[in-house]
Amino acid sequence: MIFGFAERTLGGQEGAEFVNWMHEMDARDRDVATHGDFDQLRADIAELRQEMQVGFARLETRFERRFGDLIKWSFVFWVGAVGAIAMLARALH
């Protein structure tokens, strides 16, 4: 409606340029982020942050469990090595 009015009022070439400019501005307005878009982005980031915290907590628990297993097996092998050295020393004496 306003586009037809602009073409009739401004004339052929100028009216068409004005209409094209209005179309560009309308397209640009659709591309501009709104407050709602930013609110949704903040909510998505908060959700992602929460998921990452849960995932890192799980990973930390697994690392602690593996570290405990590593310490246990290191102790077992250390005791075995000390026992073997003691038996070898007794046998050579």
Foldseek 3Di string as FASTA:
>chain_A
DVLVVQCVVVHPPVSVVVSVVVVVVVVVVVVDDDPVNVVVVVVVVVVVVVVVVVVVVVVVVVVVVVVVVVVVVVVVVVVVVVVVVVVVVVVVD
